[in-house]
Amino acid sequence: MSNLKNVLQQVRDERKQAELRVEKLDEVIHGLVGLNGSVSASKGAGQKHTMSASARRRISLAQKARWAKVRAGKVVSIAGKRGKSTISAAGRKRIAAAQRARWAKVRAAKKAA
């Protein structure tokens, strides 16, 4: 039981030391804020900035340019809207000719062996 009391006392001492460190850090923060009048610890989050229409337009155009650059690099698939792929007749003929040529090579290699 005395061991538990010792542990409890140590934890309480550490808590006091931590509180003292926090108070010292608060003092340092307040001192630094006082040095620079334009910086305030309480302002930051609640302050609203207004932006001119021309600035919004510049940002908008820059973002549109970035997206256009991204889209330019994309490859468009041949699949239709519902996942159906359509190939032109000329495309099908090219694929069929290439496949016939592949099989001809396989048969030639088989005869040679």
N, C-alpha and C. Protein backbone atom coordinates (compact mmCIF):
# COMPACT_ATOMS: atom_id res chain seq x y z
N MET A 1 0.81 -1.19 0.00
CA MET A 1 0.00 0.00 0.00
C MET A 1 0.86 1.26 0.00
N SER A 2 1.97 1.21 0.73
CA SER A 2 2.84 2.38 0.77
C SER A 2 3.50 2.61 -0.59
N ASN A 3 3.70 1.52 -1.35
CA ASN A 3 4.28 1.64 -2.69
C ASN A 3 3.33 2.43 -3.60
N LEU A 4 2.03 2.16 -3.48
CA LEU A 4 1.03 2.87 -4.26
C LEU A 4 1.01 4.35 -3.88
N LYS A 5 1.14 4.65 -2.62
CA LYS A 5 1.16 6.05 -2.17
C LYS A 5 2.38 6.76 -2.73
N ASN A 6 3.53 6.07 -2.76
CA ASN A 6 4.75 6.67 -3.31
C ASN A 6 4.58 6.99 -4.80
N VAL A 7 3.98 6.05 -5.53
CA VAL A 7 3.76 6.26 -6.96
C VAL A 7 2.82 7.42 -7.17
N LEU A 8 1.75 7.48 -6.37
CA LEU A 8 0.79 8.56 -6.47
C LEU A 8 1.45 9.90 -6.19
N GLN A 9 2.31 9.96 -5.19
CA GLN A 9 3.01 11.20 -4.85
C GLN A 9 3.94 11.62 -5.98
N GLN A 10 4.62 10.66 -6.61
CA GLN A 10 5.51 10.98 -7.72
C GLN A 10 4.73 11.55 -8.91
N VAL A 11 3.58 10.96 -9.18
CA VAL A 11 2.76 11.45 -10.29
C VAL A 11 2.27 12.86 -10.01
N ARG A 12 1.89 13.13 -8.77
CA ARG A 12 1.44 14.48 -8.40
C ARG A 12 2.58 15.48 -8.53
N ASP A 13 3.79 15.09 -8.14
CA ASP A 13 4.95 15.97 -8.27
C ASP A 13 5.24 16.28 -9.74
N GLU A 14 5.16 15.26 -10.57
CA GLU A 14 5.39 15.47 -12.00
C GLU A 14 4.35 16.40 -12.59
N ARG A 15 3.10 16.27 -12.13
CA ARG A 15 2.03 17.15 -12.60
C ARG A 15 2.31 18.59 -12.22
N LYS A 16 2.78 18.83 -10.99
CA LYS A 16 3.11 20.19 -10.56
C LYS A 16 4.23 20.77 -11.42
N GLN A 17 5.25 19.94 -11.70
CA GLN A 17 6.36 20.41 -12.53
C GLN A 17 5.87 20.74 -13.94
N ALA A 18 4.98 19.94 -14.46
CA ALA A 18 4.45 20.19 -15.80
C ALA A 18 3.64 21.49 -15.81
N GLU A 19 2.86 21.73 -14.77
CA GLU A 19 2.09 22.98 -14.69
C GLU A 19 3.03 24.18 -14.64
N LEU A 20 4.11 24.07 -13.88
CA LEU A 20 5.08 25.16 -13.82
C LEU A 20 5.70 25.42 -15.20
N ARG A 21 6.04 24.34 -15.92
CA ARG A 21 6.61 24.51 -17.26
C ARG A 21 5.62 25.18 -18.19
N VAL A 22 4.36 24.79 -18.11
CA VAL A 22 3.33 25.39 -18.97
C VAL A 22 3.19 26.88 -18.65
N GLU A 23 3.19 27.23 -17.37
CA GLU A 23 3.09 28.64 -16.99
C GLU A 23 4.28 29.43 -17.53
N LYS A 24 5.49 28.86 -17.44
CA LYS A 24 6.67 29.54 -17.97
C LYS A 24 6.56 29.72 -19.48
N LEU A 25 6.08 28.69 -20.17
CA LEU A 25 5.91 28.80 -21.63
C LEU A 25 4.88 29.87 -21.98
N ASP A 26 3.81 29.96 -21.20
CA ASP A 26 2.80 31.00 -21.43
C ASP A 26 3.42 32.39 -21.27
N GLU A 27 4.27 32.55 -20.25
CA GLU A 27 4.93 33.83 -20.05
C GLU A 27 5.83 34.18 -21.23
N VAL A 28 6.56 33.19 -21.74
CA VAL A 28 7.43 33.43 -22.89
C VAL A 28 6.61 33.82 -24.11
N ILE A 29 5.49 33.13 -24.32
CA ILE A 29 4.62 33.44 -25.47
C ILE A 29 4.10 34.86 -25.36
N HIS A 30 3.63 35.24 -24.19
CA HIS A 30 3.10 36.60 -24.02
C HIS A 30 4.21 37.63 -24.22
N GLY A 31 5.42 37.30 -23.77
CA GLY A 31 6.53 38.22 -23.98
C GLY A 31 6.86 38.40 -25.44
N LEU A 32 6.84 37.30 -26.20
CA LEU A 32 7.12 37.38 -27.63
C LEU A 32 6.04 38.13 -28.38
N VAL A 33 4.80 37.93 -27.99
CA VAL A 33 3.69 38.63 -28.63
C VAL A 33 3.82 40.12 -28.38
N GLY A 34 4.26 40.49 -27.20
CA GLY A 34 4.42 41.90 -26.87
C GLY A 34 5.51 42.57 -27.69
N LEU A 35 6.52 41.81 -28.13
CA LEU A 35 7.60 42.38 -28.92
C LEU A 35 7.14 42.80 -30.30
N ASN A 36 6.28 42.00 -30.89
CA ASN A 36 5.79 42.30 -32.23
C ASN A 36 4.32 42.66 -32.14
N GLY A 37 3.99 43.91 -32.29
CA GLY A 37 2.62 44.38 -32.10
C GLY A 37 1.64 43.84 -33.11
N SER A 38 2.11 43.48 -34.32
CA SER A 38 1.19 43.03 -35.35
C SER A 38 0.75 41.58 -35.14
N VAL A 39 1.50 40.82 -34.36
CA VAL A 39 1.15 39.42 -34.11
C VAL A 39 0.35 39.35 -32.82
N SER A 40 -0.78 38.69 -32.89
CA SER A 40 -1.60 38.54 -31.69
C SER A 40 -2.01 37.10 -31.55
N ALA A 41 -1.92 36.58 -30.36
CA ALA A 41 -2.27 35.17 -30.12
C ALA A 41 -3.76 34.95 -30.29
N SER A 42 -4.59 35.96 -30.01
CA SER A 42 -6.03 35.76 -30.07
C SER A 42 -6.61 35.99 -31.46
N LYS A 43 -5.91 36.69 -32.35
CA LYS A 43 -6.48 37.01 -33.66
C LYS A 43 -6.52 35.80 -34.57
N GLY A 44 -5.50 35.39 -35.18
CA GLY A 44 -5.34 34.31 -36.15
C GLY A 44 -6.58 33.62 -36.66
N ALA A 45 -7.30 32.86 -35.84
CA ALA A 45 -8.37 31.99 -36.33
C ALA A 45 -9.63 32.75 -36.72
N GLY A 46 -10.01 33.77 -35.98
CA GLY A 46 -11.28 34.43 -36.24
C GLY A 46 -11.22 35.55 -37.25
N GLN A 47 -10.05 35.89 -37.72
CA GLN A 47 -9.91 37.03 -38.61
C GLN A 47 -10.33 36.65 -40.03
N LYS A 48 -11.18 37.50 -40.66
CA LYS A 48 -11.62 37.24 -42.02
C LYS A 48 -10.86 38.13 -42.98
N HIS A 49 -10.56 37.57 -44.15
CA HIS A 49 -9.85 38.33 -45.17
C HIS A 49 -10.78 38.52 -46.35
N THR A 50 -10.80 39.71 -46.89
CA THR A 50 -11.59 39.93 -48.09
C THR A 50 -10.65 39.90 -49.28
N MET A 51 -11.16 39.37 -50.37
CA MET A 51 -10.34 39.24 -51.55
C MET A 51 -11.03 39.98 -52.68
N SER A 52 -10.25 40.69 -53.47
CA SER A 52 -10.83 41.45 -54.57
C SER A 52 -11.31 40.50 -55.66
N ALA A 53 -12.19 41.01 -56.49
CA ALA A 53 -12.72 40.20 -57.59
C ALA A 53 -11.61 39.81 -58.56
N SER A 54 -10.67 40.71 -58.79
CA SER A 54 -9.60 40.40 -59.72
C SER A 54 -8.70 39.29 -59.16
N ALA A 55 -8.48 39.30 -57.85
CA ALA A 55 -7.67 38.24 -57.24
C ALA A 55 -8.39 36.90 -57.34
N ARG A 56 -9.70 36.88 -57.09
CA ARG A 56 -10.46 35.64 -57.22
C ARG A 56 -10.41 35.13 -58.66
N ARG A 57 -10.49 36.05 -59.61
CA ARG A 57 -10.44 35.68 -61.04
C ARG A 57 -9.08 35.09 -61.39
N ARG A 58 -8.00 35.69 -60.90
CA ARG A 58 -6.66 35.16 -61.18
C ARG A 58 -6.51 33.75 -60.61
N ILE A 59 -7.00 33.55 -59.39
CA ILE A 59 -6.92 32.23 -58.77
C ILE A 59 -7.74 31.22 -59.56
N SER A 60 -8.94 31.63 -59.98
CA SER A 60 -9.81 30.75 -60.74
C SER A 60 -9.16 30.34 -62.07
N LEU A 61 -8.60 31.31 -62.77
CA LEU A 61 -7.97 31.01 -64.06
C LEU A 61 -6.75 30.11 -63.88
N ALA A 62 -5.99 30.34 -62.82
CA ALA A 62 -4.82 29.49 -62.56
C ALA A 62 -5.25 28.06 -62.28
N GLN A 63 -6.33 27.89 -61.49
CA GLN A 63 -6.81 26.54 -61.18
C GLN A 63 -7.34 25.86 -62.43
N LYS A 64 -8.05 26.60 -63.27
CA LYS A 64 -8.56 26.02 -64.51
C LYS A 64 -7.41 25.58 -65.41
N ALA A 65 -6.34 26.37 -65.45
CA ALA A 65 -5.17 26.00 -66.25
C ALA A 65 -4.52 24.73 -65.71
N ARG A 66 -4.45 24.61 -64.36
CA ARG A 66 -3.88 23.39 -63.78
C ARG A 66 -4.71 22.17 -64.15
N TRP A 67 -6.04 22.28 -64.07
CA TRP A 67 -6.88 21.15 -64.41
C TRP A 67 -6.79 20.82 -65.90
N ALA A 68 -6.66 21.82 -66.75
CA ALA A 68 -6.53 21.57 -68.18
C ALA A 68 -5.25 20.80 -68.46
N LYS A 69 -4.18 21.13 -67.74
CA LYS A 69 -2.91 20.43 -67.91
C LYS A 69 -3.05 18.97 -67.47
N VAL A 70 -3.78 18.73 -66.38
CA VAL A 70 -3.99 17.37 -65.90
C VAL A 70 -4.80 16.59 -66.92
N ARG A 71 -5.87 17.20 -67.42
CA ARG A 71 -6.73 16.50 -68.37
C ARG A 71 -6.03 16.23 -69.70
N ALA A 72 -5.09 17.07 -70.08
CA ALA A 72 -4.39 16.90 -71.35
C ALA A 72 -3.58 15.61 -71.35
N GLY A 73 -3.11 15.17 -70.20
CA GLY A 73 -2.29 13.98 -70.12
C GLY A 73 -3.09 12.69 -70.03
N LYS A 74 -4.40 12.78 -69.86
CA LYS A 74 -5.23 11.58 -69.69
C LYS A 74 -5.49 10.90 -71.03
N VAL A 75 -5.58 9.57 -71.00
CA VAL A 75 -5.90 8.78 -72.19
C VAL A 75 -7.39 8.49 -72.15
N VAL A 76 -8.08 8.74 -73.24
CA VAL A 76 -9.51 8.50 -73.30
C VAL A 76 -9.73 7.05 -73.72
N SER A 77 -10.58 6.33 -73.01
CA SER A 77 -10.83 4.92 -73.32
C SER A 77 -11.78 4.82 -74.50
N ILE A 78 -11.77 3.66 -75.14
CA ILE A 78 -12.67 3.45 -76.26
C ILE A 78 -14.02 2.93 -75.80
N ALA A 79 -14.17 2.67 -74.53
CA ALA A 79 -15.43 2.14 -74.02
C ALA A 79 -16.50 3.23 -74.10
N GLY A 80 -17.72 2.80 -74.38
CA GLY A 80 -18.82 3.74 -74.45
C GLY A 80 -19.31 4.13 -73.07
N LYS A 81 -20.49 4.75 -73.02
CA LYS A 81 -21.02 5.22 -71.75
C LYS A 81 -21.36 4.08 -70.80
N ARG A 82 -21.85 2.99 -71.31
CA ARG A 82 -22.30 1.90 -70.45
C ARG A 82 -21.29 0.75 -70.41
N GLY A 83 -20.04 1.03 -70.67
CA GLY A 83 -19.03 -0.01 -70.61
C GLY A 83 -18.93 -0.84 -71.87
N LYS A 84 -19.75 -0.52 -72.88
CA LYS A 84 -19.69 -1.26 -74.13
C LYS A 84 -18.58 -0.66 -74.98
N SER A 85 -17.70 -1.51 -75.48
CA SER A 85 -16.64 -0.98 -76.33
C SER A 85 -17.04 -1.12 -77.78
N THR A 86 -16.79 -0.10 -78.55
CA THR A 86 -17.10 -0.14 -79.97
C THR A 86 -15.82 0.14 -80.73
N ILE A 87 -15.56 -0.67 -81.72
CA ILE A 87 -14.36 -0.52 -82.54
C ILE A 87 -14.83 -0.39 -83.99
N SER A 88 -14.15 0.47 -84.70
CA SER A 88 -14.52 0.66 -86.11
C SER A 88 -14.17 -0.58 -86.90
N ALA A 89 -14.74 -0.69 -88.08
CA ALA A 89 -14.49 -1.84 -88.95
C ALA A 89 -13.01 -1.91 -89.32
N ALA A 90 -12.42 -0.76 -89.59
CA ALA A 90 -10.99 -0.73 -89.96
C ALA A 90 -10.14 -1.21 -88.79
N GLY A 91 -10.51 -0.82 -87.60
CA GLY A 91 -9.77 -1.26 -86.41
C GLY A 91 -9.86 -2.77 -86.22
N ARG A 92 -11.05 -3.31 -86.42
CA ARG A 92 -11.23 -4.76 -86.29
C ARG A 92 -10.40 -5.51 -87.33
N LYS A 93 -10.33 -4.96 -88.56
CA LYS A 93 -9.54 -5.59 -89.62
C LYS A 93 -8.05 -5.58 -89.27
N ARG A 94 -7.56 -4.48 -88.71
CA ARG A 94 -6.15 -4.40 -88.31
C ARG A 94 -5.83 -5.43 -87.23
N ILE A 95 -6.73 -5.53 -86.24
CA ILE A 95 -6.51 -6.49 -85.15
C ILE A 95 -6.52 -7.91 -85.68
N ALA A 96 -7.48 -8.21 -86.57
CA ALA A 96 -7.58 -9.57 -87.13
C ALA A 96 -6.34 -9.90 -87.95
N ALA A 97 -5.85 -8.95 -88.74
CA ALA A 97 -4.65 -9.19 -89.56
C ALA A 97 -3.44 -9.42 -88.66
N ALA A 98 -3.30 -8.65 -87.61
CA ALA A 98 -2.18 -8.83 -86.69
C ALA A 98 -2.25 -10.20 -86.02
N GLN A 99 -3.45 -10.64 -85.65
CA GLN A 99 -3.60 -11.94 -85.00
C GLN A 99 -3.27 -13.07 -85.98
N ARG A 100 -3.71 -12.94 -87.23
CA ARG A 100 -3.39 -13.96 -88.24
C ARG A 100 -1.88 -14.05 -88.44
N ALA A 101 -1.21 -12.89 -88.43
CA ALA A 101 0.25 -12.88 -88.59
C ALA A 101 0.92 -13.57 -87.40
N ARG A 102 0.42 -13.35 -86.18
CA ARG A 102 1.00 -14.00 -85.00
C ARG A 102 0.86 -15.52 -85.11
N TRP A 103 -0.33 -15.99 -85.48
CA TRP A 103 -0.55 -17.43 -85.59
C TRP A 103 0.30 -18.03 -86.73
N ALA A 104 0.50 -17.26 -87.77
CA ALA A 104 1.34 -17.76 -88.87
C ALA A 104 2.77 -17.97 -88.38
N LYS A 105 3.27 -17.05 -87.52
CA LYS A 105 4.61 -17.21 -86.95
C LYS A 105 4.67 -18.45 -86.06
N VAL A 106 3.61 -18.68 -85.28
CA VAL A 106 3.58 -19.84 -84.39
C VAL A 106 3.62 -21.12 -85.21
N ARG A 107 2.82 -21.20 -86.29
CA ARG A 107 2.78 -22.39 -87.12
C ARG A 107 4.13 -22.60 -87.83
N ALA A 108 4.75 -21.50 -88.27
CA ALA A 108 6.04 -21.61 -88.94
C ALA A 108 7.11 -22.14 -87.97
N ALA A 109 7.06 -21.64 -86.73
CA ALA A 109 8.03 -22.10 -85.72
C ALA A 109 7.80 -23.58 -85.39
N LYS A 110 6.54 -24.01 -85.43
CA LYS A 110 6.21 -25.40 -85.12
C LYS A 110 6.74 -26.34 -86.23
N LYS A 111 6.58 -25.91 -87.51
CA LYS A 111 7.05 -26.72 -88.64
C LYS A 111 8.57 -26.81 -88.62
N ALA A 112 9.23 -25.70 -88.26
CA ALA A 112 10.71 -25.68 -88.26
C ALA A 112 11.26 -26.59 -87.18
N ALA A 113 10.54 -26.77 -86.09
CA ALA A 113 11.04 -27.60 -84.96
C ALA A 113 10.79 -29.04 -85.17
